[in-house]
Structures are given as C-alpha cells and as structure tokens.
Amino acid sequence: MTDETMTSGEHEEHVHPPYMKVFSILAALTLIELFIPPTIGDVTWLSVSLLVLIAVWKMKLIMGCFMHLAYDARILLIVAVTPAVLASIMVIVFMMEY
C-alpha cells in the first residue's frame, strides 16, 4: 500500500512460520516411517495404515507452513486441500484392491 492510504498505526506485522520446528517434526516423522515396517512385521494392514496417517500428518504440516496456507484466505485452503483429499481417497481405494 502507499503511504497515503496507510497510517503509521496500521502496519501489518508479518508472522514467520516456525520453519525449523516444522522441519524437525518432518525429519522425526520420516525416521518413524523408516522403522515402522521392520518393527510391525507381517501385519501389513497396520503398517500401511500407520504410514498413511503419518503421510497425511506430514502433508498437513507442509501445506500449512511451507505453502503458507495457514495464513492465507480460506478459499485458497479449499483449492489446495481438495486435490489432496481426492488423491488420498484414490490411494485408499488402490490399497483396498491390493
């Protein structure tokens, strides 16, 4: 905005997402994903379910912080989440076929 339309008390403060915190959480979740299949063993439905849940959690973190959807308008959130939900449904249906 120009100086004419914005007074000194109306400056919006830009909030930076906690990138390093989110990165640390994503790294920890990735390490957990690596150890789930050997730990659980032959119970494939349980390991696949846990891996899908962790993937959804990681997707939420990435979309919220790195894509800045947590700070944007709700319509942009809907536009970004709709394909993610459809892709998740497709993965679940393919898992049922297997």
PDB file of N, CA and C in Angstrom:
ATOM      1  N   MET A   1       0.831  -1.178   0.000  1.00  0.00           N
ATOM      2  CA  MET A   1       0.000   0.000   0.000  1.00  0.00           C
ATOM      3  C   MET A   1       0.879   1.245   0.000  1.00  0.00           C
ATOM      4  N   THR A   2       0.304   2.337  -0.420  1.00  0.00           N
ATOM      5  CA  THR A   2       1.057   3.578  -0.421  1.00  0.00           C
ATOM      6  C   THR A   2       1.008   4.216   0.952  1.00  0.00           C
ATOM      7  N   ASP A   3       1.855   5.193   1.151  1.00  0.00           N
ATOM      8  CA  ASP A   3       1.905   5.883   2.443  1.00  0.00           C
ATOM      9  C   ASP A   3       0.636   6.677   2.707  1.00  0.00           C
ATOM     10  N   GLU A   4      -0.040   7.091   1.646  1.00  0.00           N
ATOM     11  CA  GLU A   4      -1.237   7.907   1.803  1.00  0.00           C
ATOM     12  C   GLU A   4      -2.396   7.101   2.368  1.00  0.00           C
ATOM     13  N   THR A   5      -2.495   5.826   2.011  1.00  0.00           N
ATOM     14  CA  THR A   5      -3.634   5.027   2.452  1.00  0.00           C
ATOM     15  C   THR A   5      -3.369   4.309   3.766  1.00  0.00           C
ATOM     16  N   MET A   6      -2.145   4.305   4.224  1.00  0.00           N
ATOM     17  CA  MET A   6      -1.812   3.561   5.422  1.00  0.00           C
ATOM     18  C   MET A   6      -1.168   4.497   6.446  1.00  0.00           C
ATOM     19  N   THR A   7      -1.746   4.570   7.611  1.00  0.00           N
ATOM     20  CA  THR A   7      -1.168   5.409   8.648  1.00  0.00           C
ATOM     21  C   THR A   7      -0.121   4.618   9.409  1.00  0.00           C
ATOM     22  N   SER A   8       0.599   5.281  10.279  1.00  0.00           N
ATOM     23  CA  SER A   8       1.705   4.619  10.986  1.00  0.00           C
ATOM     24  C   SER A   8       1.223   3.526  11.930  1.00  0.00           C
ATOM     25  N   GLY A   9       0.005   3.578  12.414  1.00  0.00           N
ATOM     26  CA  GLY A   9      -0.500   2.570  13.342  1.00  0.00           C
ATOM     27  C   GLY A   9      -1.127   1.370  12.665  1.00  0.00           C
ATOM     28  N   GLU A  10      -1.216   1.361  11.344  1.00  0.00           N
ATOM     29  CA  GLU A  10      -1.908   0.296  10.629  1.00  0.00           C
ATOM     30  C   GLU A  10      -0.977  -0.715   9.972  1.00  0.00           C
ATOM     31  N   HIS A  11       0.278  -0.723  10.306  1.00  0.00           N
ATOM     32  CA  HIS A  11       1.202  -1.661   9.671  1.00  0.00           C
ATOM     33  C   HIS A  11       0.893  -3.076  10.118  1.00  0.00           C
ATOM     34  N   GLU A  12       0.789  -3.948   9.135  1.00  0.00           N
ATOM     35  CA  GLU A  12       0.543  -5.352   9.448  1.00  0.00           C
ATOM     36  C   GLU A  12       1.864  -6.024   9.772  1.00  0.00           C
ATOM     37  N   GLU A  13       1.864  -6.762  10.845  1.00  0.00           N
ATOM     38  CA  GLU A  13       3.078  -7.470  11.229  1.00  0.00           C
ATOM     39  C   GLU A  13       3.099  -8.827  10.550  1.00  0.00           C
ATOM     40  N   HIS A  14       4.194  -9.121   9.875  1.00  0.00           N
ATOM     41  CA  HIS A  14       4.334 -10.397   9.170  1.00  0.00           C
ATOM     42  C   HIS A  14       4.847 -11.452  10.151  1.00  0.00           C
ATOM     43  N   VAL A  15       4.105 -12.514  10.288  1.00  0.00           N
ATOM     44  CA  VAL A  15       4.484 -13.587  11.197  1.00  0.00           C
ATOM     45  C   VAL A  15       5.184 -14.677  10.401  1.00  0.00           C
ATOM     46  N   HIS A  16       6.400 -15.011  10.795  1.00  0.00           N
ATOM     47  CA  HIS A  16       7.149 -16.060  10.115  1.00  0.00           C
ATOM     48  C   HIS A  16       6.788 -17.417  10.707  1.00  0.00           C
ATOM     49  N   PRO A  17       6.480 -18.393   9.862  1.00  0.00           N
ATOM     50  CA  PRO A  17       6.205 -19.735  10.366  1.00  0.00           C
ATOM     51  C   PRO A  17       7.462 -20.329  11.010  1.00  0.00           C
ATOM     52  N   PRO A  18       7.270 -21.233  11.941  1.00  0.00           N
ATOM     53  CA  PRO A  18       8.427 -21.858  12.611  1.00  0.00           C
ATOM     54  C   PRO A  18       9.045 -22.935  11.722  1.00  0.00           C
ATOM     55  N   TYR A  19       9.814 -22.505  10.727  1.00  0.00           N
ATOM     56  CA  TYR A  19      10.350 -23.426   9.730  1.00  0.00           C
ATOM     57  C   TYR A  19      11.207 -24.530  10.340  1.00  0.00           C
ATOM     58  N   MET A  20      12.091 -24.185  11.239  1.00  0.00           N
ATOM     59  CA  MET A  20      12.989 -25.193  11.812  1.00  0.00           C
ATOM     60  C   MET A  20      12.231 -26.189  12.686  1.00  0.00           C
ATOM     61  N   LYS A  21      11.223 -25.721  13.393  1.00  0.00           N
ATOM     62  CA  LYS A  21      10.406 -26.626  14.208  1.00  0.00           C
ATOM     63  C   LYS A  21       9.664 -27.615  13.306  1.00  0.00           C
ATOM     64  N   VAL A  22       9.073 -27.111  12.233  1.00  0.00           N
ATOM     65  CA  VAL A  22       8.342 -27.978  11.300  1.00  0.00           C
ATOM     66  C   VAL A  22       9.309 -28.937  10.619  1.00  0.00           C
ATOM     67  N   PHE A  23      10.486 -28.448  10.236  1.00  0.00           N
ATOM     68  CA  PHE A  23      11.485 -29.316   9.626  1.00  0.00           C
ATOM     69  C   PHE A  23      11.895 -30.433  10.578  1.00  0.00           C
ATOM     70  N   SER A  24      12.065 -30.120  11.847  1.00  0.00           N
ATOM     71  CA  SER A  24      12.438 -31.136  12.833  1.00  0.00           C
ATOM     72  C   SER A  24      11.337 -32.180  13.011  1.00  0.00           C
ATOM     73  N   ILE A  25      10.102 -31.730  13.028  1.00  0.00           N
ATOM     74  CA  ILE A  25       8.977 -32.663  13.147  1.00  0.00           C
ATOM     75  C   ILE A  25       8.904 -33.562  11.912  1.00  0.00           C
ATOM     76  N   LEU A  26       9.095 -32.978  10.716  1.00  0.00           N
ATOM     77  CA  LEU A  26       9.065 -33.774   9.493  1.00  0.00           C
ATOM     78  C   LEU A  26      10.202 -34.802   9.467  1.00  0.00           C
ATOM     79  N   ALA A  27      11.381 -34.411   9.938  1.00  0.00           N
ATOM     80  CA  ALA A  27      12.508 -35.349   9.981  1.00  0.00           C
ATOM     81  C   ALA A  27      12.230 -36.483  10.960  1.00  0.00           C
ATOM     82  N   ALA A  28      11.647 -36.161  12.118  1.00  0.00           N
ATOM     83  CA  ALA A  28      11.319 -37.200  13.100  1.00  0.00           C
ATOM     84  C   ALA A  28      10.260 -38.149  12.557  1.00  0.00           C
ATOM     85  N   LEU A  29       9.241 -37.614  11.880  1.00  0.00           N
ATOM     86  CA  LEU A  29       8.206 -38.471  11.299  1.00  0.00           C
ATOM     87  C   LEU A  29       8.772 -39.364  10.205  1.00  0.00           C
ATOM     88  N   THR A  30       9.727 -38.856   9.439  1.00  0.00           N
ATOM     89  CA  THR A  30      10.358 -39.669   8.403  1.00  0.00           C
ATOM     90  C   THR A  30      11.146 -40.815   9.024  1.00  0.00           C
ATOM     91  N   LEU A  31      11.851 -40.539  10.112  1.00  0.00           N
ATOM     92  CA  LEU A  31      12.579 -41.610  10.812  1.00  0.00           C
ATOM     93  C   LEU A  31      11.617 -42.659  11.365  1.00  0.00           C
ATOM     94  N   ILE A  32      10.492 -42.211  11.888  1.00  0.00           N
ATOM     95  CA  ILE A  32       9.484 -43.153  12.385  1.00  0.00           C
ATOM     96  C   ILE A  32       8.965 -44.014  11.244  1.00  0.00           C
ATOM     97  N   GLU A  33       8.748 -43.389  10.070  1.00  0.00           N
ATOM     98  CA  GLU A  33       8.281 -44.145   8.906  1.00  0.00           C
ATOM     99  C   GLU A  33       9.275 -45.220   8.486  1.00  0.00           C
ATOM    100  N   LEU A  34      10.537 -44.944   8.630  1.00  0.00           N
ATOM    101  CA  LEU A  34      11.551 -45.935   8.259  1.00  0.00           C
ATOM    102  C   LEU A  34      11.527 -47.158   9.168  1.00  0.00           C
ATOM    103  N   PHE A  35      11.175 -46.978  10.423  1.00  0.00           N
ATOM    104  CA  PHE A  35      11.222 -48.080  11.381  1.00  0.00           C
ATOM    105  C   PHE A  35       9.887 -48.806  11.561  1.00  0.00           C
ATOM    106  N   ILE A  36       8.813 -48.326  10.953  1.00  0.00           N
ATOM    107  CA  ILE A  36       7.505 -48.988  11.119  1.00  0.00           C
ATOM    108  C   ILE A  36       7.470 -50.363  10.452  1.00  0.00           C
ATOM    109  N   PRO A  37       7.820 -50.540   9.177  1.00  0.00           N
ATOM    110  CA  PRO A  37       7.699 -51.874   8.565  1.00  0.00           C
ATOM    111  C   PRO A  37       8.535 -52.958   9.245  1.00  0.00           C
ATOM    112  N   PRO A  38       9.804 -52.726   9.584  1.00  0.00           N
ATOM    113  CA  PRO A  38      10.543 -53.812  10.238  1.00  0.00           C
ATOM    114  C   PRO A  38      10.050 -54.094  11.648  1.00  0.00           C
ATOM    115  N   THR A  39       9.516 -53.095  12.326  1.00  0.00           N
ATOM    116  CA  THR A  39       9.068 -53.277  13.704  1.00  0.00           C
ATOM    117  C   THR A  39       7.767 -54.060  13.772  1.00  0.00           C
ATOM    118  N   ILE A  40       6.815 -53.734  12.912  1.00  0.00           N
ATOM    119  CA  ILE A  40       5.497 -54.372  12.972  1.00  0.00           C
ATOM    120  C   ILE A  40       5.540 -55.773  12.391  1.00  0.00           C
ATOM    121  N   GLY A  41       6.283 -55.967  11.332  1.00  0.00           N
ATOM    122  CA  GLY A  41       6.418 -57.313  10.771  1.00  0.00           C
ATOM    123  C   GLY A  41       5.359 -57.645   9.747  1.00  0.00           C
ATOM    124  N   ASP A  42       4.660 -58.769   9.946  1.00  0.00           N
ATOM    125  CA  ASP A  42       3.730 -59.285   8.937  1.00  0.00           C
ATOM    126  C   ASP A  42       2.351 -58.638   8.953  1.00  0.00           C
ATOM    127  N   VAL A  43       2.077 -57.769   9.877  1.00  0.00           N
ATOM    128  CA  VAL A  43       0.761 -57.129   9.948  1.00  0.00           C
ATOM    129  C   VAL A  43       0.768 -55.939   8.986  1.00  0.00           C
ATOM    130  N   THR A  44       0.507 -56.233   7.706  1.00  0.00           N
ATOM    131  CA  THR A  44       0.652 -55.201   6.677  1.00  0.00           C
ATOM    132  C   THR A  44      -0.437 -54.133   6.782  1.00  0.00           C
ATOM    133  N   TRP A  45      -1.654 -54.505   7.151  1.00  0.00           N
ATOM    134  CA  TRP A  45      -2.718 -53.504   7.224  1.00  0.00           C
ATOM    135  C   TRP A  45      -2.407 -52.467   8.293  1.00  0.00           C
ATOM    136  N   LEU A  46      -1.788 -52.880   9.387  1.00  0.00           N
ATOM    137  CA  LEU A  46      -1.445 -51.942  10.450  1.00  0.00           C
ATOM    138  C   LEU A  46      -0.299 -51.023  10.022  1.00  0.00           C
ATOM    139  N   SER A  47       0.712 -51.586   9.401  1.00  0.00           N
ATOM    140  CA  SER A  47       1.840 -50.758   8.980  1.00  0.00           C
ATOM    141  C   SER A  47       1.430 -49.781   7.879  1.00  0.00           C
ATOM    142  N   VAL A  48       0.615 -50.228   6.938  1.00  0.00           N
ATOM    143  CA  VAL A  48       0.159 -49.336   5.869  1.00  0.00           C
ATOM    144  C   VAL A  48      -0.731 -48.239   6.443  1.00  0.00           C
ATOM    145  N   SER A  49      -1.586 -48.583   7.384  1.00  0.00           N
ATOM    146  CA  SER A  49      -2.457 -47.580   7.998  1.00  0.00           C
ATOM    147  C   SER A  49      -1.639 -46.533   8.745  1.00  0.00           C
ATOM    148  N   LEU A  50      -0.645 -46.975   9.496  1.00  0.00           N
ATOM    149  CA  LEU A  50       0.214 -46.023  10.205  1.00  0.00           C
ATOM    150  C   LEU A  50       0.998 -45.142   9.241  1.00  0.00           C
ATOM    151  N   LEU A  51       1.507 -45.731   8.175  1.00  0.00           N
ATOM    152  CA  LEU A  51       2.258 -44.951   7.195  1.00  0.00           C
ATOM    153  C   LEU A  51       1.372 -43.915   6.498  1.00  0.00           C
ATOM    154  N   VAL A  52       0.130 -44.273   6.207  1.00  0.00           N
ATOM    155  CA  VAL A  52      -0.787 -43.320   5.575  1.00  0.00           C
ATOM    156  C   VAL A  52      -1.128 -42.195   6.552  1.00  0.00           C
ATOM    157  N   LEU A  53      -1.356 -42.519   7.818  1.00  0.00           N
ATOM    158  CA  LEU A  53      -1.647 -41.488   8.806  1.00  0.00           C
ATOM    159  C   LEU A  53      -0.479 -40.520   8.967  1.00  0.00           C
ATOM    160  N   ILE A  54       0.723 -41.037   9.010  1.00  0.00           N
ATOM    161  CA  ILE A  54       1.893 -40.172   9.126  1.00  0.00           C
ATOM    162  C   ILE A  54       2.055 -39.326   7.869  1.00  0.00           C
ATOM    163  N   ALA A  55       1.777 -39.894   6.701  1.00  0.00           N
ATOM    164  CA  ALA A  55       1.869 -39.137   5.456  1.00  0.00           C
ATOM    165  C   ALA A  55       0.859 -37.988   5.423  1.00  0.00           C
ATOM    166  N   VAL A  56      -0.337 -38.245   5.915  1.00  0.00           N
ATOM    167  CA  VAL A  56      -1.350 -37.186   5.960  1.00  0.00           C
ATOM    168  C   VAL A  56      -0.916 -36.087   6.929  1.00  0.00           C
ATOM    169  N   TRP A  57      -0.346 -36.483   8.063  1.00  0.00           N
ATOM    170  CA  TRP A  57       0.132 -35.513   9.035  1.00  0.00           C
ATOM    171  C   TRP A  57       1.250 -34.648   8.421  1.00  0.00           C
ATOM    172  N   LYS A  58       2.171 -35.293   7.713  1.00  0.00           N
ATOM    173  CA  LYS A  58       3.254 -34.560   7.063  1.00  0.00           C
ATOM    174  C   LYS A  58       2.708 -33.633   5.975  1.00  0.00           C
ATOM    175  N   MET A  59       1.704 -34.088   5.238  1.00  0.00           N
ATOM    176  CA  MET A  59       1.094 -33.266   4.205  1.00  0.00           C
ATOM    177  C   MET A  59       0.470 -32.014   4.820  1.00  0.00           C
ATOM    178  N   LYS A  60      -0.182 -32.188   5.962  1.00  0.00           N
ATOM    179  CA  LYS A  60      -0.802 -31.049   6.650  1.00  0.00           C
ATOM    180  C   LYS A  60       0.253 -30.036   7.093  1.00  0.00           C
ATOM    181  N   LEU A  61       1.353 -30.529   7.628  1.00  0.00           N
ATOM    182  CA  LEU A  61       2.428 -29.627   8.053  1.00  0.00           C
ATOM    183  C   LEU A  61       3.029 -28.867   6.875  1.00  0.00           C
ATOM    184  N   ILE A  62       3.275 -29.570   5.786  1.00  0.00           N
ATOM    185  CA  ILE A  62       3.880 -28.932   4.609  1.00  0.00           C
ATOM    186  C   ILE A  62       2.936 -27.910   3.995  1.00  0.00           C
ATOM    187  N   MET A  63       1.669 -28.283   3.857  1.00  0.00           N
ATOM    188  CA  MET A  63       0.710 -27.364   3.260  1.00  0.00           C
ATOM    189  C   MET A  63       0.471 -26.148   4.151  1.00  0.00           C
ATOM    190  N   GLY A  64       0.455 -26.352   5.445  1.00  0.00           N
ATOM    191  CA  GLY A  64       0.186 -25.248   6.351  1.00  0.00           C
ATOM    192  C   GLY A  64       1.340 -24.279   6.480  1.00  0.00           C
ATOM    193  N   CYS A  65       2.542 -24.793   6.621  1.00  0.00           N
ATOM    194  CA  CYS A  65       3.693 -23.917   6.897  1.00  0.00           C
ATOM    195  C   CYS A  65       4.471 -23.534   5.646  1.00  0.00           C
ATOM    196  N   PHE A  66       4.919 -24.511   4.877  1.00  0.00           N
ATOM    197  CA  PHE A  66       5.774 -24.201   3.729  1.00  0.00           C
ATOM    198  C   PHE A  66       4.993 -23.615   2.557  1.00  0.00           C
ATOM    199  N   MET A  67       3.732 -23.998   2.412  1.00  0.00           N
ATOM    200  CA  MET A  67       2.915 -23.416   1.358  1.00  0.00           C
ATOM    201  C   MET A  67       2.125 -22.214   1.875  1.00  0.00           C
ATOM    202  N   HIS A  68       2.285 -21.872   3.150  1.00  0.00           N
ATOM    203  CA  HIS A  68       1.683 -20.708   3.797  1.00  0.00           C
ATOM    204  C   HIS A  68       0.160 -20.710   3.754  1.00  0.00           C
ATOM    205  N   LEU A  69      -0.454 -21.891   3.691  1.00  0.00           N
ATOM    206  CA  LEU A  69      -1.910 -21.940   3.643  1.00  0.00           C
ATOM    207  C   LEU A  69      -2.541 -21.650   5.002  1.00  0.00           C
ATOM    208  N   ALA A  70      -1.780 -21.764   6.073  1.00  0.00           N
ATOM    209  CA  ALA A  70      -2.312 -21.450   7.392  1.00  0.00           C
ATOM    210  C   ALA A  70      -2.544 -19.958   7.546  1.00  0.00           C
ATOM    211  N   TYR A  71      -1.919 -19.148   6.694  1.00  0.00           N
ATOM    212  CA  TYR A  71      -2.013 -17.699   6.816  1.00  0.00           C
ATOM    213  C   TYR A  71      -2.783 -17.053   5.679  1.00  0.00           C
ATOM    214  N   ASP A  72      -3.287 -17.841   4.737  1.00  0.00           N
ATOM    215  CA  ASP A  72      -3.990 -17.289   3.583  1.00  0.00           C
ATOM    216  C   ASP A  72      -5.499 -17.396   3.775  1.00  0.00           C
ATOM    217  N   ALA A  73      -6.219 -16.921   2.776  1.00  0.00           N
ATOM    218  CA  ALA A  73      -7.677 -16.954   2.802  1.00  0.00           C
ATOM    219  C   ALA A  73      -8.180 -18.394   2.740  1.00  0.00           C
ATOM    220  N   ARG A  74      -9.347 -18.620   3.272  1.00  0.00           N
ATOM    221  CA  ARG A  74      -9.930 -19.974   3.331  1.00  0.00           C
ATOM    222  C   ARG A  74     -10.181 -20.569   1.948  1.00  0.00           C
ATOM    223  N   ILE A  75     -10.495 -19.741   0.959  1.00  0.00           N
ATOM    224  CA  ILE A  75     -10.764 -20.276  -0.372  1.00  0.00           C
ATOM    225  C   ILE A  75      -9.507 -20.902  -0.958  1.00  0.00           C
ATOM    226  N   LEU A  76      -8.338 -20.332  -0.676  1.00  0.00           N
ATOM    227  CA  LEU A  76      -7.094 -20.926  -1.156  1.00  0.00           C
ATOM    228  C   LEU A  76      -6.829 -22.256  -0.464  1.00  0.00           C
ATOM    229  N   LEU A  77      -7.215 -22.350   0.798  1.00  0.00           N
ATOM    230  CA  LEU A  77      -7.090 -23.608   1.520  1.00  0.00           C
ATOM    231  C   LEU A  77      -7.970 -24.676   0.885  1.00  0.00           C
ATOM    232  N   ILE A  78      -9.178 -24.313   0.532  1.00  0.00           N
ATOM    233  CA  ILE A  78     -10.100 -25.267  -0.099  1.00  0.00           C
ATOM    234  C   ILE A  78      -9.565 -25.707  -1.461  1.00  0.00           C
ATOM    235  N   VAL A  79      -9.026 -24.758  -2.231  1.00  0.00           N
ATOM    236  CA  VAL A  79      -8.480 -25.086  -3.549  1.00  0.00           C
ATOM    237  C   VAL A  79      -7.299 -26.038  -3.428  1.00  0.00           C
ATOM    238  N   ALA A  80      -6.482 -25.890  -2.398  1.00  0.00           N
ATOM    239  CA  ALA A  80      -5.309 -26.750  -2.237  1.00  0.00           C
ATOM    240  C   ALA A  80      -5.649 -28.083  -1.591  1.00  0.00           C
ATOM    241  N   VAL A  81      -6.622 -28.107  -0.700  1.00  0.00           N
ATOM    242  CA  VAL A  81      -6.936 -29.334   0.042  1.00  0.00           C
ATOM    243  C   VAL A  81      -7.766 -30.306  -0.797  1.00  0.00           C
ATOM    244  N   THR A  82      -8.600 -29.803  -1.686  1.00  0.00           N
ATOM    245  CA  THR A  82      -9.474 -30.674  -2.474  1.00  0.00           C
ATOM    246  C   THR A  82      -8.696 -31.720  -3.277  1.00  0.00           C
ATOM    247  N   PRO A  83      -7.662 -31.372  -4.035  1.00  0.00           N
ATOM    248  CA  PRO A  83      -6.910 -32.419  -4.734  1.00  0.00           C
ATOM    249  C   PRO A  83      -6.195 -33.372  -3.780  1.00  0.00           C
ATOM    250  N   ALA A  84      -5.761 -32.861  -2.632  1.00  0.00           N
ATOM    251  CA  ALA A  84      -5.090 -33.726  -1.654  1.00  0.00           C
ATOM    252  C   ALA A  84      -6.059 -34.763  -1.092  1.00  0.00           C
ATOM    253  N   VAL A  85      -7.279 -34.346  -0.825  1.00  0.00           N
ATOM    254  CA  VAL A  85      -8.287 -35.286  -0.325  1.00  0.00           C
ATOM    255  C   VAL A  85      -8.625 -36.315  -1.398  1.00  0.00           C
ATOM    256  N   LEU A  86      -8.782 -35.871  -2.632  1.00  0.00           N
ATOM    257  CA  LEU A  86      -9.099 -36.805  -3.717  1.00  0.00           C
ATOM    258  C   LEU A  86      -7.956 -37.794  -3.949  1.00  0.00           C
ATOM    259  N   ALA A  87      -6.721 -37.320  -3.848  1.00  0.00           N
ATOM    260  CA  ALA A  87      -5.575 -38.220  -4.003  1.00  0.00           C
ATOM    261  C   ALA A  87      -5.523 -39.224  -2.854  1.00  0.00           C
ATOM    262  N   SER A  88      -5.857 -38.793  -1.645  1.00  0.00           N
ATOM    263  CA  SER A  88      -5.884 -39.710  -0.504  1.00  0.00           C
ATOM    264  C   SER A  88      -6.954 -40.787  -0.685  1.00  0.00           C
ATOM    265  N   ILE A  89      -8.107 -40.393  -1.187  1.00  0.00           N
ATOM    266  CA  ILE A  89      -9.169 -41.369  -1.446  1.00  0.00           C
ATOM    267  C   ILE A  89      -8.715 -42.363  -2.506  1.00  0.00           C
ATOM    268  N   MET A  90      -8.038 -41.865  -3.543  1.00  0.00           N
ATOM    269  CA  MET A  90      -7.545 -42.750  -4.594  1.00  0.00           C
ATOM    270  C   MET A  90      -6.534 -43.752  -4.036  1.00  0.00           C
ATOM    271  N   VAL A  91      -5.648 -43.312  -3.164  1.00  0.00           N
ATOM    272  CA  VAL A  91      -4.663 -44.208  -2.565  1.00  0.00           C
ATOM    273  C   VAL A  91      -5.349 -45.269  -1.711  1.00  0.00           C
ATOM    274  N   ILE A  92      -6.362 -44.871  -0.952  1.00  0.00           N
ATOM    275  CA  ILE A  92      -7.080 -45.827  -0.106  1.00  0.00           C
ATOM    276  C   ILE A  92      -7.791 -46.867  -0.967  1.00  0.00           C
ATOM    277  N   VAL A  93      -8.411 -46.428  -2.067  1.00  0.00           N
ATOM    278  CA  VAL A  93      -9.099 -47.377  -2.958  1.00  0.00           C
ATOM    279  C   VAL A  93      -8.111 -48.335  -3.584  1.00  0.00           C
ATOM    280  N   PHE A  94      -6.943 -47.845  -4.007  1.00  0.00           N
ATOM    281  CA  PHE A  94      -5.924 -48.721  -4.574  1.00  0.00           C
ATOM    282  C   PHE A  94      -5.404 -49.712  -3.538  1.00  0.00           C
ATOM    283  N   MET A  95      -5.319 -49.277  -2.281  1.00  0.00           N
ATOM    284  CA  MET A  95      -4.880 -50.183  -1.225  1.00  0.00           C
ATOM    285  C   MET A  95      -5.903 -51.294  -1.002  1.00  0.00           C
ATOM    286  N   MET A  96      -7.175 -50.971  -1.157  1.00  0.00           N
ATOM    287  CA  MET A  96      -8.222 -51.987  -1.000  1.00  0.00           C
ATOM    288  C   MET A  96      -8.151 -53.012  -2.118  1.00  0.00           C
ATOM    289  N   GLU A  97      -7.750 -52.599  -3.309  1.00  0.00           N
ATOM    290  CA  GLU A  97      -7.617 -53.510  -4.435  1.00  0.00           C
ATOM    291  C   GLU A  97      -6.476 -54.489  -4.220  1.00  0.00           C
ATOM    292  N   TYR A  98      -5.420 -54.025  -3.552  1.00  0.00           N
ATOM    293  CA  TYR A  98      -4.262 -54.855  -3.319  1.00  0.00           C
ATOM    294  C   TYR A  98      -4.575 -55.887  -2.263  1.00  0.00           C
TER     295      TYR A  98
END
